[in-house]
Protein backbone atom coordinates (compact mmCIF):
# COMPACT_ATOMS: atom_id res chain seq x y z
CA MET A 1 67.60 65.28 115.43
CA ALA A 2 70.35 67.62 114.26
CA LEU A 3 72.42 69.22 117.02
CA HIS A 4 73.71 72.76 117.35
CA TRP A 5 77.49 73.07 117.26
CA LYS A 6 80.30 75.61 117.03
CA LEU A 7 83.90 75.24 115.95
CA VAL A 8 86.31 76.10 118.78
CA ILE A 9 89.80 77.29 117.88
CA ASP A 10 92.62 77.50 120.42
CA SER A 11 94.41 80.84 120.33
CA ARG A 12 96.95 83.07 122.03
CA ASN A 13 94.91 86.27 121.58
CA ALA A 14 91.25 85.39 121.05
CA PRO A 15 89.89 88.88 120.28
CA VAL A 16 92.56 89.62 117.67
CA LEU A 17 92.11 86.24 115.98
CA ALA A 18 88.32 86.68 116.04
CA ASP A 19 88.75 90.06 114.32
CA PHE A 20 90.85 88.43 111.58
CA TRP A 21 88.39 85.60 110.94
CA ALA A 22 85.36 87.90 111.06
CA ALA A 23 86.93 90.07 108.36
CA ALA A 24 88.10 87.04 106.34
CA LEU A 25 84.66 85.39 106.33
CA GLY A 26 82.41 88.45 106.41
CA TYR A 27 81.12 87.36 109.84
CA GLU A 28 80.26 89.55 112.84
CA VAL A 29 82.22 89.59 116.07
CA GLU A 30 79.81 88.74 118.86
CA ASP A 31 79.20 91.42 121.48
CA PRO A 32 78.78 89.75 124.89
CA SER A 33 78.95 93.09 126.76
CA PRO A 34 75.26 93.03 127.90
CA LEU A 35 75.81 89.56 129.40
CA VAL A 36 79.16 90.50 130.94
CA THR A 37 77.67 93.66 132.48
CA ARG A 38 74.71 91.70 133.88
CA LEU A 39 76.96 88.99 135.38
CA LEU A 40 79.28 91.60 136.93
CA ALA A 41 76.34 93.48 138.46
CA ALA A 42 74.93 90.24 139.92
CA GLY A 43 78.30 89.31 141.41
CA GLN A 44 78.41 86.15 139.31
CA LEU A 45 81.58 87.23 137.51
CA GLY A 46 84.70 88.89 138.88
CA GLU A 47 86.51 91.80 137.23
CA GLU A 48 89.53 89.51 136.65
CA ALA A 49 87.43 87.50 134.17
CA VAL A 50 86.66 90.57 132.06
CA THR A 51 88.62 92.60 129.54
CA GLU A 52 87.75 95.25 126.99
CA HIS A 53 88.21 94.97 123.24
CA ASP A 54 87.10 97.59 120.72
CA GLY A 55 85.32 99.48 123.49
CA ARG A 56 83.22 96.51 124.58
CA LYS A 57 83.39 94.40 127.73
CA THR A 58 84.11 90.79 126.93
CA PHE A 59 85.17 87.59 128.65
CA ARG A 60 88.95 87.45 129.12
CA GLY A 61 90.47 84.83 126.82
CA TYR A 62 87.38 84.29 124.68
CA ALA A 63 85.87 85.80 121.54
CA ALA A 64 83.36 84.51 119.03
CA ILE A 65 82.12 85.34 115.56
CA ARG A 66 78.86 84.45 113.87
CA HIS A 67 77.31 84.50 110.42
CA PRO A 68 75.44 87.80 110.01
CA ASP A 69 72.28 86.11 108.71
CA ASP A 70 71.95 83.62 111.56
CA PRO A 71 69.85 84.21 114.69
CA TYR A 72 71.42 85.22 117.98
CA ASP A 73 70.33 85.88 121.54
CA GLU A 74 70.15 89.67 121.98
CA THR A 75 70.47 89.37 125.78
CA SER A 76 73.80 87.51 125.59
CA GLY A 77 75.11 88.29 122.12
CA VAL A 78 75.65 84.55 121.53
CA GLY A 79 74.94 83.26 118.04
CA ALA A 80 72.57 80.37 117.44
CA GLY A 81 73.89 79.31 114.04
CA ARG A 82 77.20 79.19 112.18
CA ARG A 83 79.73 80.24 114.79
CA LEU A 84 83.45 80.13 115.62
CA LEU A 85 84.66 80.48 119.21
CA PHE A 86 88.28 81.40 119.95
CA GLN A 87 89.68 80.47 123.35
CA ASP A 88 93.09 81.35 124.70
CA VAL A 89 95.27 78.45 125.77
CA PRO A 90 98.67 78.61 127.50
CA GLU A 91 100.59 76.44 125.04
CA GLU A 92 101.85 77.48 121.61
CA LYS A 93 100.60 75.77 118.46
CA SER A 94 102.76 72.66 118.09
CA GLY A 95 101.77 70.85 114.90
CA LYS A 96 99.68 70.73 111.78
CA ASN A 97 95.95 71.31 112.09
CA ARG A 98 93.83 68.19 111.76
CA LEU A 99 90.86 70.37 110.79
CA HIS A 100 90.92 73.54 108.73
CA VAL A 101 88.66 76.11 107.08
CA ASP A 102 88.42 76.52 103.31
CA ILE A 103 87.42 79.99 102.13
CA HIS A 104 85.97 79.97 98.61
CA SER A 105 86.24 82.92 96.26
CA GLU A 106 83.75 83.89 93.62
CA PRO A 107 84.56 82.33 90.20
CA GLY A 108 87.81 83.80 88.89
CA GLY A 109 88.45 85.68 92.14
CA LEU A 110 91.14 83.58 93.83
CA ASP A 111 93.92 86.15 93.36
CA ARG A 112 91.71 88.93 94.80
CA LEU A 113 90.76 86.71 97.74
CA VAL A 114 94.40 85.84 98.50
CA ASP A 115 95.40 89.52 98.29
CA ARG A 116 92.55 90.52 100.62
CA LEU A 117 93.49 87.82 103.14
CA LYS A 118 97.14 88.87 103.03
CA GLY A 119 96.01 92.44 103.74
CA LEU A 120 94.22 91.14 106.85
CA GLY A 121 97.37 89.43 108.13
CA ALA A 122 97.32 85.96 106.53
CA THR A 123 100.50 84.44 105.13
CA PRO A 124 100.52 82.45 101.88
CA VAL A 125 102.39 79.15 102.31
CA ARG A 126 102.01 77.27 99.04
CA GLU A 127 99.97 77.43 95.85
CA VAL A 128 98.43 74.18 94.63
CA ASP A 129 97.19 74.00 91.02
CA ARG A 130 95.77 70.67 89.95
CA GLY A 131 94.07 71.99 86.83
CA PRO A 132 90.50 70.73 86.56
CA ALA A 133 90.82 69.05 89.98
CA GLY A 134 91.22 72.42 91.72
CA HIS A 135 93.39 75.45 92.41
CA TRP A 136 93.96 76.81 95.91
CA TRP A 137 96.42 78.42 98.30
CA ILE A 138 97.45 76.95 101.63
CA MET A 139 97.70 79.88 104.03
CA HIS A 140 98.29 80.65 107.71
CA ASP A 141 96.16 82.97 109.82
CA PRO A 142 97.99 85.46 112.09
CA GLU A 143 98.63 82.72 114.70
CA GLY A 144 99.86 80.12 112.21
CA ASN A 145 96.67 78.06 111.85
CA GLU A 146 96.41 76.52 108.38
CA PHE A 147 93.49 77.27 106.08
CA CYS A 148 92.90 77.22 102.34
CA ALA A 149 91.79 79.91 99.93
CA ALA A 150 90.16 78.24 96.94
């Protein structure tokens, strides 16, 4: 039986990094405000665990994005398909990622993709052109996490 999963990415500012990746991938930022409001009203969550981002109540230190075509729970805002969760951690990034995302452009659209990602706050690190074996850019997201535009 296949299991549900999500990719969790450590961050320093989860909502801002979620905004970047949502724009980069064409995903939607999850809106947990109905769940947060319900948990606050029931006394199951303290105000210290809540913050506001883009006018919505959200869990402090967490933000998630989901594929717009995948199902989600309307009462919690949590996606039930392709999903990335960003969680704030106290330590800075200290080394190379052992796992990274590859974003694929449409045929012939690599330069447009790289320009769009730069406009969102990504930094190009190095171009790799192996001819028929592939052509891509190694890039960093706004917090320095490596990914590839191919």
